Amino acid sequence: MPVNRFHIPPHGHWFPSPAPAAVRMSRVPRLIGYGFMAAAALLAAVMKKEGVESIGPLPAVVVALFLGMVGVMLVFTDLMVRGLYAQVDAAKRREEGDGD
């Protein structure tokens, strides 16, 4: 008699079932990204008006560019992931509708 060493989930695939539709993705990363972009714009305005040259050991331009880059990356990544999930949900609903 063979011994089954690996548990096979009852739902037919190796990955756990997805979270229920009531669970929503957090918008916190996107809001943090908007905050970083606003901080970069504010820093750029302060640099232009008051002539700020450096923030600690780093040039102020480097800090502004880094904050803006990370902010844009967080916002675009969040929006792309949301779009991907929306496409997957639409395909699942379309598939369920065809099966009935």
C-alpha atoms as a PDB file:
ATOM      1  CA  MET A   1       0.000   0.000   0.000  1.00  0.00           C
ATOM      2  CA  PRO A   2       1.583   3.327  -1.083  1.00  0.00           C
ATOM      3  CA  VAL A   3       1.978   6.055   1.485  1.00  0.00           C
ATOM      4  CA  ASN A   4       0.668   9.485   0.517  1.00  0.00           C
ATOM      5  CA  ARG A   5       3.290  11.871   1.872  1.00  0.00           C
ATOM      6  CA  PHE A   6       1.887  15.066   0.370  1.00  0.00           C
ATOM      7  CA  HIS A   7      -1.463  16.526   1.189  1.00  0.00           C
ATOM      8  CA  ILE A   8      -3.524  17.332  -1.905  1.00  0.00           C
ATOM      9  CA  PRO A   9      -6.100  20.043  -1.237  1.00  0.00           C
ATOM     10  CA  PRO A  10      -9.715  19.014  -1.820  1.00  0.00           C
ATOM     11  CA  HIS A  11     -10.406  21.883  -4.248  1.00  0.00           C
ATOM     12  CA  GLY A  12      -8.316  20.343  -7.040  1.00  0.00           C
ATOM     13  CA  HIS A  13      -5.273  22.617  -7.247  1.00  0.00           C
ATOM     14  CA  TRP A  14      -2.201  23.328  -5.181  1.00  0.00           C
ATOM     15  CA  PHE A  15      -2.959  26.950  -4.379  1.00  0.00           C
ATOM     16  CA  PRO A  16      -5.310  28.006  -1.592  1.00  0.00           C
ATOM     17  CA  SER A  17      -8.672  29.384  -2.577  1.00  0.00           C
ATOM     18  CA  PRO A  18      -8.783  33.141  -3.167  1.00  0.00           C
ATOM     19  CA  ALA A  19      -9.988  35.538  -0.528  1.00  0.00           C
ATOM     20  CA  PRO A  20     -13.702  36.295  -0.513  1.00  0.00           C
ATOM     21  CA  ALA A  21     -14.898  39.209  -2.611  1.00  0.00           C
ATOM     22  CA  ALA A  22     -15.758  41.158   0.536  1.00  0.00           C
ATOM     23  CA  VAL A  23     -12.042  41.497   1.348  1.00  0.00           C
ATOM     24  CA  ARG A  24     -10.723  44.678  -0.259  1.00  0.00           C
ATOM     25  CA  MET A  25      -7.195  45.679  -1.076  1.00  0.00           C
ATOM     26  CA  SER A  26      -5.711  48.416   1.051  1.00  0.00           C
ATOM     27  CA  ARG A  27      -5.187  51.826  -0.529  1.00  0.00           C
ATOM     28  CA  VAL A  28      -2.452  52.716   1.953  1.00  0.00           C
ATOM     29  CA  PRO A  29       0.481  52.102  -0.460  1.00  0.00           C
ATOM     30  CA  ARG A  30      -1.077  54.407  -3.060  1.00  0.00           C
ATOM     31  CA  LEU A  31      -1.700  57.112  -0.453  1.00  0.00           C
ATOM     32  CA  ILE A  32       1.908  56.805   0.739  1.00  0.00           C
ATOM     33  CA  GLY A  33       3.021  57.194  -2.876  1.00  0.00           C
ATOM     34  CA  TYR A  34       0.934  60.346  -3.263  1.00  0.00           C
ATOM     35  CA  GLY A  35       2.500  61.635  -0.041  1.00  0.00           C
ATOM     36  CA  PHE A  36       6.018  60.984  -1.359  1.00  0.00           C
ATOM     37  CA  MET A  37       5.210  62.800  -4.613  1.00  0.00           C
ATOM     38  CA  ALA A  38       3.779  65.746  -2.673  1.00  0.00           C
ATOM     39  CA  ALA A  39       6.870  65.833  -0.438  1.00  0.00           C
ATOM     40  CA  ALA A  40       9.105  65.857  -3.523  1.00  0.00           C
ATOM     41  CA  ALA A  41       7.121  68.743  -5.043  1.00  0.00           C
ATOM     42  CA  LEU A  42       7.220  70.656  -1.760  1.00  0.00           C
ATOM     43  CA  LEU A  43      10.961  70.098  -1.456  1.00  0.00           C
ATOM     44  CA  ALA A  44      11.461  71.312  -5.025  1.00  0.00           C
ATOM     45  CA  ALA A  45       9.454  74.471  -4.270  1.00  0.00           C
ATOM     46  CA  VAL A  46      11.498  75.112  -1.112  1.00  0.00           C
ATOM     47  CA  MET A  47      14.739  74.528  -3.026  1.00  0.00           C
ATOM     48  CA  LYS A  48      13.733  77.079  -5.655  1.00  0.00           C
ATOM     49  CA  LYS A  49      12.478  79.727  -3.248  1.00  0.00           C
ATOM     50  CA  GLU A  50      14.983  79.512  -0.401  1.00  0.00           C
ATOM     51  CA  GLY A  51      17.962  77.972  -2.143  1.00  0.00           C
ATOM     52  CA  VAL A  52      18.227  74.795  -0.068  1.00  0.00           C
ATOM     53  CA  GLU A  53      21.364  73.011  -1.238  1.00  0.00           C
ATOM     54  CA  SER A  54      21.540  69.854   0.861  1.00  0.00           C
ATOM     55  CA  ILE A  55      19.592  67.733   3.291  1.00  0.00           C
ATOM     56  CA  GLY A  56      22.079  66.147   5.622  1.00  0.00           C
ATOM     57  CA  PRO A  57      24.933  64.646   3.608  1.00  0.00           C
ATOM     58  CA  LEU A  58      22.856  64.387   0.392  1.00  0.00           C
ATOM     59  CA  PRO A  59      22.146  67.064  -2.202  1.00  0.00           C
ATOM     60  CA  ALA A  60      18.511  68.189  -2.028  1.00  0.00           C
ATOM     61  CA  VAL A  61      17.945  67.317  -5.689  1.00  0.00           C
ATOM     62  CA  VAL A  62      18.814  63.674  -5.001  1.00  0.00           C
ATOM     63  CA  VAL A  63      16.326  63.521  -2.137  1.00  0.00           C
ATOM     64  CA  ALA A  64      13.575  65.140  -4.214  1.00  0.00           C
ATOM     65  CA  LEU A  65      14.154  62.803  -7.169  1.00  0.00           C
ATOM     66  CA  PHE A  66      14.255  59.729  -4.942  1.00  0.00           C
ATOM     67  CA  LEU A  67      11.031  60.659  -3.121  1.00  0.00           C
ATOM     68  CA  GLY A  68       9.263  61.358  -6.393  1.00  0.00           C
ATOM     69  CA  MET A  69      10.516  58.144  -7.997  1.00  0.00           C
ATOM     70  CA  VAL A  70       9.422  55.952  -5.091  1.00  0.00           C
ATOM     71  CA  GLY A  71       6.059  57.726  -4.928  1.00  0.00           C
ATOM     72  CA  VAL A  72       5.344  57.206  -8.630  1.00  0.00           C
ATOM     73  CA  MET A  73       6.451  53.587  -8.366  1.00  0.00           C
ATOM     74  CA  LEU A  74       4.066  52.921  -5.455  1.00  0.00           C
ATOM     75  CA  VAL A  75       1.105  54.600  -7.164  1.00  0.00           C
ATOM     76  CA  PHE A  76       1.579  52.956 -10.566  1.00  0.00           C
ATOM     77  CA  THR A  77       2.203  49.528  -9.043  1.00  0.00           C
ATOM     78  CA  ASP A  78      -0.948  49.785  -6.945  1.00  0.00           C
ATOM     79  CA  LEU A  79      -3.020  50.860  -9.948  1.00  0.00           C
ATOM     80  CA  MET A  80      -1.606  48.096 -12.161  1.00  0.00           C
ATOM     81  CA  VAL A  81      -2.306  45.407  -9.562  1.00  0.00           C
ATOM     82  CA  ARG A  82      -5.861  46.694  -9.123  1.00  0.00           C
ATOM     83  CA  GLY A  83      -6.371  46.615 -12.888  1.00  0.00           C
ATOM     84  CA  LEU A  84      -5.046  43.069 -13.075  1.00  0.00           C
ATOM     85  CA  TYR A  85      -7.374  41.913 -10.307  1.00  0.00           C
ATOM     86  CA  ALA A  86     -10.305  43.630 -12.033  1.00  0.00           C
ATOM     87  CA  GLN A  87      -9.525  41.805 -15.289  1.00  0.00           C
ATOM     88  CA  VAL A  88      -9.275  38.453 -13.506  1.00  0.00           C
ATOM     89  CA  ASP A  89     -12.559  39.041 -11.679  1.00  0.00           C
ATOM     90  CA  ALA A  90     -14.296  40.041 -14.919  1.00  0.00           C
ATOM     91  CA  ALA A  91     -12.994  36.909 -16.665  1.00  0.00           C
ATOM     92  CA  LYS A  92     -14.181  34.716 -13.783  1.00  0.00           C
ATOM     93  CA  ARG A  93     -17.636  36.306 -13.852  1.00  0.00           C
ATOM     94  CA  ARG A  94     -17.803  35.898 -17.629  1.00  0.00           C
ATOM     95  CA  GLU A  95     -16.738  32.246 -17.322  1.00  0.00           C
ATOM     96  CA  GLU A  96     -19.328  31.566 -14.606  1.00  0.00           C
ATOM     97  CA  GLY A  97     -21.997  33.215 -16.756  1.00  0.00           C
ATOM     98  CA  ASP A  98     -21.125  31.004 -19.758  1.00  0.00           C
ATOM     99  CA  GLY A  99     -21.201  27.839 -17.655  1.00  0.00           C
ATOM    100  CA  ASP A 100     -24.812  28.339 -16.527  1.00  0.00           C
END
